[in-house]
Amino acid sequence: MSHSILLKVEKTGKAFEDLEMKDAKGMQPLVWSLISQKILEDKKLWISDIKYARMVWDYWTDPDCSEAEAFAILCTFDKALIEGHMFKKAANKLKRFFIEHKVPSSEPNVFPEIIEYLEKNLDESCLGVCFHHNTLSSSPWDKEDGTYYNFLTDKEHFGVFASLKNRKELVLPEEFSKAKFTKEKQNG
């Protein structure tokens, strides 16, 4: 059975496994299923037809998509980084997603573990957290040359909160680094 891994990204740019979650219901299928129930007439189409899966994945840019839904969808994508200084806000977004979709707390899934981790591990010394959602497939953080992804030098990841602010396209490292630097400069 597949399980999900949350990786903590240190200031050095290197990530390490910090929480392993045995999936009763993984993050991706649960979020995608709940979104499909909201936007598709045939709720199962997203599983078998890429066209409908894309509609579910792209829903985060739709004006009808709530901020909590957009956040949850973005977290299911490969190469997503939840920025370290935003952990408490991230936990609140995931809680809000569950409230909006009336998911019973008894429903077995990985989200309570993720929410608890984010609430208890605010760490200004880390860049953030990312996920390896499906351990049956290769990690999105393993590079083709056998090395491990570095969040300071590699540029394929995106900031979840930076992208959430944009709501049109994923915000890659150069853009969200500049935005954070500009904000820090203005505040300090």
Protein backbone atom coordinates (compact mmCIF):
# COMPACT_ATOMS: atom_id res chain seq x y z
CA MET A 1 0.00 0.00 0.00
CA SER A 2 1.21 3.47 -0.81
CA HIS A 3 1.83 6.02 1.88
CA SER A 4 2.60 9.73 1.91
CA ILE A 5 5.73 11.41 3.16
CA LEU A 6 6.06 14.99 4.35
CA LEU A 7 9.56 16.37 3.88
CA LYS A 8 10.97 19.34 5.76
CA VAL A 9 13.16 21.63 3.66
CA GLU A 10 16.12 23.11 5.54
CA LYS A 11 17.70 26.51 4.81
CA THR A 12 20.47 24.59 3.02
CA GLY A 13 17.90 23.66 0.35
CA LYS A 14 17.97 19.98 1.25
CA ALA A 15 14.83 18.12 2.28
CA PHE A 16 14.54 15.22 4.68
CA GLU A 17 11.66 12.94 5.61
CA ASP A 18 9.99 14.31 8.73
CA LEU A 19 6.61 12.56 8.80
CA GLU A 20 5.45 9.32 7.22
CA MET A 21 1.70 8.84 6.92
CA LYS A 22 0.12 5.49 6.26
CA ASP A 23 -2.73 6.26 3.92
CA ALA A 24 -6.24 5.24 4.72
CA LYS A 25 -7.11 7.85 2.11
CA GLY A 26 -4.26 9.80 0.63
CA MET A 27 -4.17 13.54 0.18
CA GLN A 28 -4.44 13.54 -3.62
CA PRO A 29 -7.38 11.15 -4.11
CA LEU A 30 -9.36 12.69 -1.25
CA VAL A 31 -8.97 16.29 -2.47
CA TRP A 32 -9.55 15.39 -6.12
CA SER A 33 -12.60 13.29 -5.27
CA LEU A 34 -14.17 16.07 -3.16
CA ILE A 35 -13.53 18.68 -5.87
CA SER A 36 -14.92 16.38 -8.57
CA GLN A 37 -18.09 15.92 -6.51
CA LYS A 38 -18.52 19.68 -6.56
CA ILE A 39 -17.77 20.45 -10.21
CA LEU A 40 -18.45 17.33 -12.31
CA GLU A 41 -21.82 15.76 -13.09
CA ASP A 42 -20.31 12.26 -13.20
CA LYS A 43 -18.24 12.22 -10.02
CA LYS A 44 -16.00 9.31 -11.12
CA LEU A 45 -14.90 10.70 -14.50
CA TRP A 46 -11.75 12.33 -13.10
CA ILE A 47 -10.32 8.86 -12.38
CA SER A 48 -10.62 7.50 -15.91
CA ASP A 49 -10.43 10.47 -18.25
CA ILE A 50 -7.50 12.93 -18.30
CA LYS A 51 -9.74 15.69 -19.66
CA TYR A 52 -11.86 15.58 -16.49
CA ALA A 53 -8.85 15.12 -14.23
CA ARG A 54 -7.45 18.34 -15.73
CA MET A 55 -10.72 20.11 -14.94
CA VAL A 56 -10.31 19.07 -11.28
CA TRP A 57 -6.60 20.04 -11.19
CA ASP A 58 -7.22 23.40 -12.91
CA TYR A 59 -10.16 24.31 -10.69
CA TRP A 60 -7.83 26.20 -8.33
CA THR A 61 -7.77 29.06 -10.89
CA ASP A 62 -11.59 29.24 -11.16
CA PRO A 63 -13.27 32.25 -9.49
CA ASP A 64 -15.84 29.87 -7.94
CA CYS A 65 -13.08 27.94 -6.17
CA SER A 66 -12.69 28.96 -2.52
CA GLU A 67 -9.25 29.87 -1.21
CA ALA A 68 -9.23 26.75 1.00
CA GLU A 69 -10.06 24.56 -2.01
CA ALA A 70 -7.37 26.21 -4.12
CA PHE A 71 -4.84 25.70 -1.32
CA ALA A 72 -5.74 22.00 -0.93
CA ILE A 73 -5.53 21.41 -4.70
CA LEU A 74 -2.13 23.12 -4.94
CA CYS A 75 -0.81 20.94 -2.11
CA THR A 76 -1.59 17.83 -4.15
CA PHE A 77 0.70 18.84 -7.03
CA ASP A 78 4.20 17.51 -7.46
CA LYS A 79 6.82 20.18 -6.71
CA ALA A 80 4.60 22.12 -4.27
CA LEU A 81 6.37 23.85 -1.37
CA ILE A 82 4.37 25.15 1.60
CA GLU A 83 6.45 28.12 2.68
CA GLY A 84 7.90 27.70 6.20
CA HIS A 85 6.69 30.97 7.68
CA MET A 86 3.10 30.08 6.69
CA PHE A 87 2.58 26.76 8.54
CA LYS A 88 -0.18 27.99 10.89
CA LYS A 89 -2.04 29.61 8.02
CA ALA A 90 -1.62 26.38 6.01
CA ALA A 91 -3.15 24.33 8.84
CA ASN A 92 -6.12 26.72 8.94
CA LYS A 93 -6.64 26.46 5.17
CA LEU A 94 -6.74 22.66 5.37
CA LYS A 95 -9.20 22.77 8.30
CA ARG A 96 -11.37 25.18 6.30
CA PHE A 97 -11.32 22.80 3.31
CA PHE A 98 -12.68 20.02 5.53
CA ILE A 99 -15.41 22.25 6.91
CA GLU A 100 -16.44 23.43 3.43
CA HIS A 101 -16.70 19.84 2.19
CA LYS A 102 -18.29 18.48 5.39
CA VAL A 103 -15.73 15.71 5.77
CA PRO A 104 -16.47 13.86 9.02
CA SER A 105 -13.59 13.81 11.49
CA SER A 106 -14.02 10.03 11.63
CA GLU A 107 -13.13 9.74 7.91
CA PRO A 108 -9.70 8.06 7.79
CA ASN A 109 -7.22 10.23 5.88
CA VAL A 110 -3.79 11.83 6.19
CA PHE A 111 -4.96 15.40 6.79
CA PRO A 112 -5.22 15.35 10.60
CA GLU A 113 -1.54 14.32 10.76
CA ILE A 114 -0.55 17.06 8.31
CA ILE A 115 -2.57 19.70 10.16
CA GLU A 116 -1.10 18.67 13.52
CA TYR A 117 2.41 18.76 12.06
CA LEU A 118 1.91 22.26 10.61
CA GLU A 119 0.45 23.60 13.87
CA LYS A 120 3.27 22.23 16.02
CA ASN A 121 6.28 22.74 13.76
CA LEU A 122 6.37 26.40 12.81
CA ASP A 123 10.04 26.78 12.13
CA GLU A 124 11.47 30.02 10.83
CA SER A 125 14.73 28.20 10.14
CA CYS A 126 13.24 25.99 7.42
CA LEU A 127 12.22 26.93 3.89
CA GLY A 128 9.03 24.88 4.13
CA VAL A 129 7.56 21.44 3.62
CA CYS A 130 6.80 19.40 0.56
CA PHE A 131 5.27 15.98 -0.11
CA HIS A 132 5.94 12.69 -1.79
CA HIS A 133 2.31 11.66 -2.21
CA ASN A 134 2.64 8.20 -3.70
CA THR A 135 5.52 6.04 -2.57
CA LEU A 136 4.67 3.45 -5.22
CA SER A 137 6.08 5.87 -7.81
CA SER A 138 9.41 7.63 -7.89
CA SER A 139 9.72 10.73 -5.76
CA PRO A 140 9.30 14.07 -7.51
CA TRP A 141 12.35 15.14 -5.50
CA ASP A 142 14.72 12.54 -7.02
CA LYS A 143 16.53 13.93 -10.05
CA GLU A 144 17.30 11.91 -13.19
CA ASP A 145 21.05 12.06 -12.52
CA GLY A 146 20.59 10.26 -9.18
CA THR A 147 21.02 13.35 -7.02
CA TYR A 148 18.39 14.83 -4.75
CA TYR A 149 16.50 18.04 -5.49
CA ASN A 150 17.92 21.20 -3.89
CA PHE A 151 15.43 23.97 -3.19
CA LEU A 152 18.06 26.71 -3.46
CA THR A 153 19.62 25.72 -6.78
CA ASP A 154 16.87 23.79 -8.60
CA LYS A 155 14.00 25.86 -9.93
CA GLU A 156 11.11 23.49 -10.68
CA HIS A 157 9.14 23.82 -7.43
CA PHE A 158 6.52 26.46 -6.71
CA GLY A 159 5.33 28.28 -3.61
CA VAL A 160 1.81 27.29 -2.59
CA PHE A 161 0.94 30.62 -0.90
CA ALA A 162 2.64 32.67 -3.61
CA SER A 163 0.59 30.79 -6.24
CA LEU A 164 -2.56 31.12 -4.16
CA LYS A 165 -2.11 34.89 -4.18
CA ASN A 166 -1.71 34.86 -7.97
CA ARG A 167 -4.58 32.37 -8.75
CA LYS A 168 -3.62 32.26 -12.45
CA GLU A 169 -0.42 30.27 -12.65
CA LEU A 170 2.11 28.56 -10.43
CA VAL A 171 4.66 30.95 -8.97
CA LEU A 172 8.17 29.57 -9.41
CA PRO A 173 11.11 30.16 -7.01
CA GLU A 174 12.55 33.32 -8.53
CA GLU A 175 9.21 35.11 -8.30
CA PHE A 176 8.25 34.11 -4.77
CA SER A 177 11.80 34.70 -3.49
CA LYS A 178 11.73 38.24 -4.94
CA ALA A 179 8.28 38.86 -3.45
CA LYS A 180 9.42 37.72 0.01
CA PHE A 181 12.62 39.81 -0.22
CA THR A 182 10.65 42.89 -1.31
CA LYS A 183 8.18 42.40 1.57
CA GLU A 184 10.99 41.95 4.10
CA LYS A 185 12.76 45.02 2.75
CA GLN A 186 9.58 47.10 3.02
CA ASN A 187 9.01 45.91 6.61
CA GLY A 188 12.55 46.25 7.80
